Amino acid sequence: MTGIVLAGGKSSRMGFNKAFIQFGGKRLIEVTADRLSGLFPEVLIIADNLDLYSYLGVRVIPDLIPDSGSLGGIYTGLSAAAHPEAFFAACDMPFLSADLITLLVREAEGWDVVVPRVAGELQPMHAIYAKSCLPFIKEAIDVGKFKIAGFFPKVKVKVIEEPALRAVDPDLLGLMNVNTPPELERAEAIRRQRLSAAT
């Protein structure tokens, strides 16, 4: 399986590129790439500015279909992946959990999509997609439907519900993302709390 970081978002709510937020002395993109490199034999970053990310030593793939949002990023990542399935994470998830990702990976066989659901909401930016999804994603993009879950009715989807998620990540921090400055402040507070608890 390939690990893929989606870093092509506009970061409009944050006001600057979220991938380069400093978090615990490292940029978020570095934290994410490092975590996925420890879990997958191949890691890709989907982003349009190749030069910005080249220092990471990870293949950077530009969007195959520009202006198609995160769904286009998933399409690009699956098209480029060397493996038949890929785990995708957004670049602004500071507490990616190896245990949580491994739970999804263990469930992947025989499914086109494996996606967590929390409080009734699917988490499609922390999910596994198989290459078998490609024609259905392309079909959705071609008609201008960019909601990720829009193609789900056409494929086999395994939903991982909250009790199973909390069994390996009790506070579900692995699914937390930082879209706004207040969310970043909260994440920093959690990081500091964890550090002090560990010492």
C-alpha atoms as a PDB file:
ATOM      1  CA  MET A   1       0.000   0.000   0.000  1.00  0.00           C
ATOM      2  CA  THR A   2       1.128   3.560  -0.751  1.00  0.00           C
ATOM      3  CA  GLY A   3       0.914   6.399   1.785  1.00  0.00           C
ATOM      4  CA  ILE A   4      -0.179   9.704   0.270  1.00  0.00           C
ATOM      5  CA  VAL A   5      -0.205  13.237   1.697  1.00  0.00           C
ATOM      6  CA  LEU A   6      -2.698  15.668   0.198  1.00  0.00           C
ATOM      7  CA  ALA A   7      -0.991  19.075   0.294  1.00  0.00           C
ATOM      8  CA  GLY A   8      -2.733  20.907  -2.533  1.00  0.00           C
ATOM      9  CA  GLY A   9      -5.378  22.785  -0.539  1.00  0.00           C
ATOM     10  CA  LYS A  10      -5.740  26.562  -0.605  1.00  0.00           C
ATOM     11  CA  SER A  11      -5.469  26.927   3.226  1.00  0.00           C
ATOM     12  CA  SER A  12      -7.887  29.865   2.966  1.00  0.00           C
ATOM     13  CA  ARG A  13      -9.144  29.583   6.563  1.00  0.00           C
ATOM     14  CA  MET A  14      -5.602  29.510   7.946  1.00  0.00           C
ATOM     15  CA  GLY A  15      -4.375  32.348   5.767  1.00  0.00           C
ATOM     16  CA  PHE A  16      -1.087  30.635   4.815  1.00  0.00           C
ATOM     17  CA  ASN A  17       0.115  27.225   3.641  1.00  0.00           C
ATOM     18  CA  LYS A  18      -0.830  24.771   6.401  1.00  0.00           C
ATOM     19  CA  ALA A  19       1.785  22.269   5.257  1.00  0.00           C
ATOM     20  CA  PHE A  20       4.526  24.595   6.543  1.00  0.00           C
ATOM     21  CA  ILE A  21       3.072  25.314   9.965  1.00  0.00           C
ATOM     22  CA  GLN A  22       5.738  24.765  12.610  1.00  0.00           C
ATOM     23  CA  PHE A  23       4.574  22.139  15.078  1.00  0.00           C
ATOM     24  CA  GLY A  24       6.876  20.889  17.778  1.00  0.00           C
ATOM     25  CA  GLY A  25       9.958  22.127  15.919  1.00  0.00           C
ATOM     26  CA  LYS A  26       8.983  20.522  12.603  1.00  0.00           C
ATOM     27  CA  ARG A  27       6.763  21.558   9.742  1.00  0.00           C
ATOM     28  CA  LEU A  28       3.432  19.710   9.548  1.00  0.00           C
ATOM     29  CA  ILE A  29       4.331  18.308   6.120  1.00  0.00           C
ATOM     30  CA  GLU A  30       7.498  16.818   7.647  1.00  0.00           C
ATOM     31  CA  VAL A  31       5.565  15.310  10.577  1.00  0.00           C
ATOM     32  CA  THR A  32       3.071  13.748   8.140  1.00  0.00           C
ATOM     33  CA  ALA A  33       5.644  12.464   5.643  1.00  0.00           C
ATOM     34  CA  ASP A  34       7.736  10.966   8.476  1.00  0.00           C
ATOM     35  CA  ARG A  35       4.743   9.177   9.981  1.00  0.00           C
ATOM     36  CA  LEU A  36       3.688   7.680   6.644  1.00  0.00           C
ATOM     37  CA  SER A  37       7.274   6.723   5.736  1.00  0.00           C
ATOM     38  CA  GLY A  38       7.361   4.594   8.873  1.00  0.00           C
ATOM     39  CA  LEU A  39       4.250   2.711   7.753  1.00  0.00           C
ATOM     40  CA  PHE A  40       4.340   2.406   3.966  1.00  0.00           C
ATOM     41  CA  PRO A  41       6.985   1.331   1.421  1.00  0.00           C
ATOM     42  CA  GLU A  42       6.070   4.231  -0.876  1.00  0.00           C
ATOM     43  CA  VAL A  43       5.058   7.768   0.122  1.00  0.00           C
ATOM     44  CA  LEU A  44       3.821  10.456  -2.272  1.00  0.00           C
ATOM     45  CA  ILE A  45       2.882  14.094  -1.790  1.00  0.00           C
ATOM     46  CA  ILE A  46       0.188  15.572  -4.017  1.00  0.00           C
ATOM     47  CA  ALA A  47       0.932  19.272  -4.517  1.00  0.00           C
ATOM     48  CA  ASP A  48       1.298  21.675  -7.413  1.00  0.00           C
ATOM     49  CA  ASN A  49       4.451  23.441  -6.239  1.00  0.00           C
ATOM     50  CA  LEU A  50       7.090  20.729  -6.625  1.00  0.00           C
ATOM     51  CA  ASP A  51       9.984  22.958  -5.541  1.00  0.00           C
ATOM     52  CA  LEU A  52       8.434  23.705  -2.149  1.00  0.00           C
ATOM     53  CA  TYR A  53       8.441  20.033  -1.155  1.00  0.00           C
ATOM     54  CA  SER A  54      11.461  18.644  -2.994  1.00  0.00           C
ATOM     55  CA  TYR A  55      13.692  18.938   0.118  1.00  0.00           C
ATOM     56  CA  LEU A  56      11.668  16.152   1.788  1.00  0.00           C
ATOM     57  CA  GLY A  57      13.113  13.501  -0.528  1.00  0.00           C
ATOM     58  CA  VAL A  58       9.597  12.233  -1.313  1.00  0.00           C
ATOM     59  CA  ARG A  59       8.050  12.093  -4.795  1.00  0.00           C
ATOM     60  CA  VAL A  60       5.818  15.108  -5.355  1.00  0.00           C
ATOM     61  CA  ILE A  61       3.054  14.690  -7.926  1.00  0.00           C
ATOM     62  CA  PRO A  62       1.157  17.684  -9.379  1.00  0.00           C
ATOM     63  CA  ASP A  63      -2.606  17.445  -9.835  1.00  0.00           C
ATOM     64  CA  LEU A  64      -3.585  15.610 -13.004  1.00  0.00           C
ATOM     65  CA  ILE A  65      -6.873  17.518 -13.097  1.00  0.00           C
ATOM     66  CA  PRO A  66      -6.346  21.061 -11.748  1.00  0.00           C
ATOM     67  CA  ASP A  67      -9.054  22.772  -9.685  1.00  0.00           C
ATOM     68  CA  SER A  68     -10.802  19.538  -8.761  1.00  0.00           C
ATOM     69  CA  GLY A  69     -10.227  19.817  -5.006  1.00  0.00           C
ATOM     70  CA  SER A  70      -9.352  16.968  -2.680  1.00  0.00           C
ATOM     71  CA  LEU A  71     -11.179  14.500  -4.929  1.00  0.00           C
ATOM     72  CA  GLY A  72      -8.772  15.427  -7.716  1.00  0.00           C
ATOM     73  CA  GLY A  73      -5.885  14.911  -5.289  1.00  0.00           C
ATOM     74  CA  ILE A  74      -7.133  11.404  -4.537  1.00  0.00           C
ATOM     75  CA  TYR A  75      -7.463  10.719  -8.274  1.00  0.00           C
ATOM     76  CA  THR A  76      -3.894  11.928  -8.875  1.00  0.00           C
ATOM     77  CA  GLY A  77      -2.498   9.929  -5.953  1.00  0.00           C
ATOM     78  CA  LEU A  78      -4.206   6.689  -6.956  1.00  0.00           C
ATOM     79  CA  SER A  79      -3.085   7.143 -10.566  1.00  0.00           C
ATOM     80  CA  ALA A  80       0.539   7.610  -9.492  1.00  0.00           C
ATOM     81  CA  ALA A  81       0.674   4.985  -6.728  1.00  0.00           C
ATOM     82  CA  ALA A  82       2.784   1.888  -7.354  1.00  0.00           C
ATOM     83  CA  HIS A  83       0.444  -0.202  -5.185  1.00  0.00           C
ATOM     84  CA  PRO A  84      -3.213  -1.157  -5.769  1.00  0.00           C
ATOM     85  CA  GLU A  85      -4.382   0.702  -2.661  1.00  0.00           C
ATOM     86  CA  ALA A  86      -3.361   3.909  -0.938  1.00  0.00           C
ATOM     87  CA  PHE A  87      -3.901   5.504   2.449  1.00  0.00           C
ATOM     88  CA  PHE A  88      -4.547   9.237   2.169  1.00  0.00           C
ATOM     89  CA  ALA A  89      -4.082  11.881   4.847  1.00  0.00           C
ATOM     90  CA  ALA A  90      -4.426  15.644   4.717  1.00  0.00           C
ATOM     91  CA  CYS A  91      -1.229  17.587   5.417  1.00  0.00           C
ATOM     92  CA  ASP A  92      -2.748  19.337   8.452  1.00  0.00           C
ATOM     93  CA  MET A  93      -3.245  16.347  10.779  1.00  0.00           C
ATOM     94  CA  PRO A  94      -0.605  16.798  13.501  1.00  0.00           C
ATOM     95  CA  PHE A  95      -1.384  13.681  15.549  1.00  0.00           C
ATOM     96  CA  LEU A  96      -1.633  10.986  12.864  1.00  0.00           C
ATOM     97  CA  SER A  97      -1.844   7.710  14.755  1.00  0.00           C
ATOM     98  CA  ALA A  98       0.049   4.664  13.504  1.00  0.00           C
ATOM     99  CA  ASP A  99      -2.417   2.448  15.410  1.00  0.00           C
ATOM    100  CA  LEU A 100      -5.411   4.115  13.785  1.00  0.00           C
ATOM    101  CA  ILE A 101      -3.910   3.910  10.296  1.00  0.00           C
ATOM    102  CA  THR A 102      -2.984   0.259  10.891  1.00  0.00           C
ATOM    103  CA  LEU A 103      -6.586  -0.470  11.910  1.00  0.00           C
ATOM    104  CA  LEU A 104      -7.775   0.840   8.520  1.00  0.00           C
ATOM    105  CA  VAL A 105      -5.062  -1.083   6.662  1.00  0.00           C
ATOM    106  CA  ARG A 106      -6.087  -4.338   8.366  1.00  0.00           C
ATOM    107  CA  GLU A 107      -9.657  -3.834   7.159  1.00  0.00           C
ATOM    108  CA  ALA A 108      -8.784  -2.958   3.552  1.00  0.00           C
ATOM    109  CA  GLU A 109      -8.825  -6.336   1.840  1.00  0.00           C
ATOM    110  CA  GLY A 110     -11.850  -6.757  -0.417  1.00  0.00           C
ATOM    111  CA  TRP A 111     -13.008  -3.126  -0.147  1.00  0.00           C
ATOM    112  CA  ASP A 112     -12.679  -0.148  -2.501  1.00  0.00           C
ATOM    113  CA  VAL A 113     -12.813   2.414   0.314  1.00  0.00           C
ATOM    114  CA  VAL A 114     -12.132   2.125   4.056  1.00  0.00           C
ATOM    115  CA  VAL A 115     -13.205   5.273   5.890  1.00  0.00           C
ATOM    116  CA  PRO A 116     -13.676   6.242   9.551  1.00  0.00           C
ATOM    117  CA  ARG A 117     -16.944   7.768  10.776  1.00  0.00           C
ATOM    118  CA  VAL A 118     -17.081  10.026  13.835  1.00  0.00           C
ATOM    119  CA  ALA A 119     -20.260  11.584  15.241  1.00  0.00           C
ATOM    120  CA  GLY A 120     -22.081  10.484  12.109  1.00  0.00           C
ATOM    121  CA  GLU A 121     -19.583  12.191   9.787  1.00  0.00           C
ATOM    122  CA  LEU A 122     -17.314  10.299   7.393  1.00  0.00           C
ATOM    123  CA  GLN A 123     -13.614  11.260   7.477  1.00  0.00           C
ATOM    124  CA  PRO A 124     -12.643  10.887   3.785  1.00  0.00           C
ATOM    125  CA  MET A 125      -9.342  12.773   4.202  1.00  0.00           C
ATOM    126  CA  HIS A 126      -8.033   9.980   6.459  1.00  0.00           C
ATOM    127  CA  ALA A 127      -9.036   6.918   4.478  1.00  0.00           C
ATOM    128  CA  ILE A 128      -7.933   4.123   2.167  1.00  0.00           C
ATOM    129  CA  TYR A 129      -8.877   4.076  -1.526  1.00  0.00           C
ATOM    130  CA  ALA A 130      -8.205   1.349  -4.081  1.00  0.00           C
ATOM    131  CA  LYS A 131      -7.328   1.931  -7.731  1.00  0.00           C
ATOM    132  CA  SER A 132     -10.703   0.355  -8.534  1.00  0.00           C
ATOM    133  CA  CYS A 133     -12.190   3.744  -7.528  1.00  0.00           C
ATOM    134  CA  LEU A 134     -10.434   5.602 -10.357  1.00  0.00           C
ATOM    135  CA  PRO A 135     -13.141   5.395 -13.054  1.00  0.00           C
ATOM    136  CA  PHE A 136     -15.853   6.465 -10.597  1.00  0.00           C
ATOM    137  CA  ILE A 137     -13.773   9.391  -9.298  1.00  0.00           C
ATOM    138  CA  LYS A 138     -13.073  10.501 -12.882  1.00  0.00           C
ATOM    139  CA  GLU A 139     -16.773  10.246 -13.704  1.00  0.00           C
ATOM    140  CA  ALA A 140     -17.629  12.489 -10.726  1.00  0.00           C
ATOM    141  CA  ILE A 141     -14.956  15.057 -11.608  1.00  0.00           C
ATOM    142  CA  ASP A 142     -16.076  15.137 -15.254  1.00  0.00           C
ATOM    143  CA  VAL A 143     -19.557  16.244 -14.196  1.00  0.00           C
ATOM    144  CA  GLY A 144     -18.240  18.737 -11.640  1.00  0.00           C
ATOM    145  CA  LYS A 145     -19.159  16.775  -8.503  1.00  0.00           C
ATOM    146  CA  PHE A 146     -16.175  17.236  -6.197  1.00  0.00           C
ATOM    147  CA  LYS A 147     -17.569  15.971  -2.887  1.00  0.00           C
ATOM    148  CA  ILE A 148     -15.346  13.011  -2.021  1.00  0.00           C
ATOM    149  CA  ALA A 149     -18.136  10.769  -0.734  1.00  0.00           C
ATOM    150  CA  GLY A 150     -20.217  11.472  -3.845  1.00  0.00           C
ATOM    151  CA  PHE A 151     -18.880   8.393  -5.636  1.00  0.00           C
ATOM    152  CA  PHE A 152     -19.155   6.073  -2.609  1.00  0.00           C
ATOM    153  CA  PRO A 153     -22.554   4.593  -3.612  1.00  0.00           C
ATOM    154  CA  LYS A 154     -20.877   3.122  -6.711  1.00  0.00           C
ATOM    155  CA  VAL A 155     -18.107   1.236  -4.865  1.00  0.00           C
ATOM    156  CA  LYS A 156     -17.693  -1.131  -1.903  1.00  0.00           C
ATOM    157  CA  VAL A 157     -17.204   1.000   1.204  1.00  0.00           C
ATOM    158  CA  LYS A 158     -16.175  -0.283   4.641  1.00  0.00           C
ATOM    159  CA  VAL A 159     -17.025   2.246   7.355  1.00  0.00           C
ATOM    160  CA  ILE A 160     -15.050   2.008  10.591  1.00  0.00           C
ATOM    161  CA  GLU A 161     -17.287   3.210  13.393  1.00  0.00           C
ATOM    162  CA  GLU A 162     -16.328   5.245  16.430  1.00  0.00           C
ATOM    163  CA  PRO A 163     -16.056   2.444  19.049  1.00  0.00           C
ATOM    164  CA  ALA A 164     -13.443   0.611  16.938  1.00  0.00           C
ATOM    165  CA  LEU A 165     -11.584   3.880  16.325  1.00  0.00           C
ATOM    166  CA  ARG A 166     -11.561   4.819  20.003  1.00  0.00           C
ATOM    167  CA  ALA A 167     -10.282   1.365  20.946  1.00  0.00           C
ATOM    168  CA  VAL A 168      -6.934   2.310  19.370  1.00  0.00           C
ATOM    169  CA  ASP A 169      -7.078   6.146  19.602  1.00  0.00           C
ATOM    170  CA  PRO A 170      -9.247   7.002  22.642  1.00  0.00           C
ATOM    171  CA  ASP A 171      -9.416  10.768  22.035  1.00  0.00           C
ATOM    172  CA  LEU A 172      -9.459  10.422  18.230  1.00  0.00           C
ATOM    173  CA  LEU A 173      -6.557  12.849  17.991  1.00  0.00           C
ATOM    174  CA  GLY A 174      -5.354  10.994  14.892  1.00  0.00           C
ATOM    175  CA  LEU A 175      -8.308  12.475  13.006  1.00  0.00           C
ATOM    176  CA  MET A 176      -7.815  16.046  14.234  1.00  0.00           C
ATOM    177  CA  ASN A 177      -6.883  18.651  11.672  1.00  0.00           C
ATOM    178  CA  VAL A 178      -5.939  22.313  11.959  1.00  0.00           C
ATOM    179  CA  ASN A 179      -7.886  24.494   9.544  1.00  0.00           C
ATOM    180  CA  THR A 180      -7.851  27.704  11.571  1.00  0.00           C
ATOM    181  CA  PRO A 181      -5.497  29.513  13.988  1.00  0.00           C
ATOM    182  CA  PRO A 182      -7.663  28.554  17.020  1.00  0.00           C
ATOM    183  CA  GLU A 183      -7.502  24.882  16.001  1.00  0.00           C
ATOM    184  CA  LEU A 184      -3.725  25.192  15.730  1.00  0.00           C
ATOM    185  CA  GLU A 185      -3.572  26.736  19.227  1.00  0.00           C
ATOM    186  CA  ARG A 186      -5.637  23.830  20.564  1.00  0.00           C
ATOM    187  CA  ALA A 187      -3.310  21.320  18.893  1.00  0.00           C
ATOM    188  CA  GLU A 188      -0.276  23.067  20.393  1.00  0.00           C
ATOM    189  CA  ALA A 189      -1.882  22.931  23.840  1.00  0.00           C
ATOM    190  CA  ILE A 190      -2.497  19.175  23.418  1.00  0.00           C
ATOM    191  CA  ARG A 191       1.113  18.668  22.267  1.00  0.00           C
ATOM    192  CA  ARG A 192       2.481  20.513  25.311  1.00  0.00           C
ATOM    193  CA  GLN A 193       0.147  18.558  27.601  1.00  0.00           C
ATOM    194  CA  ARG A 194       1.374  15.271  26.114  1.00  0.00           C
ATOM    195  CA  LEU A 195       4.991  16.340  26.531  1.00  0.00           C
ATOM    196  CA  SER A 196       4.572  17.239  30.171  1.00  0.00           C
ATOM    197  CA  ALA A 197       2.686  13.986  30.825  1.00  0.00           C
ATOM    198  CA  ALA A 198       5.562  12.022  29.297  1.00  0.00           C
ATOM    199  CA  THR A 199       8.236  13.672  31.475  1.00  0.00           C
END
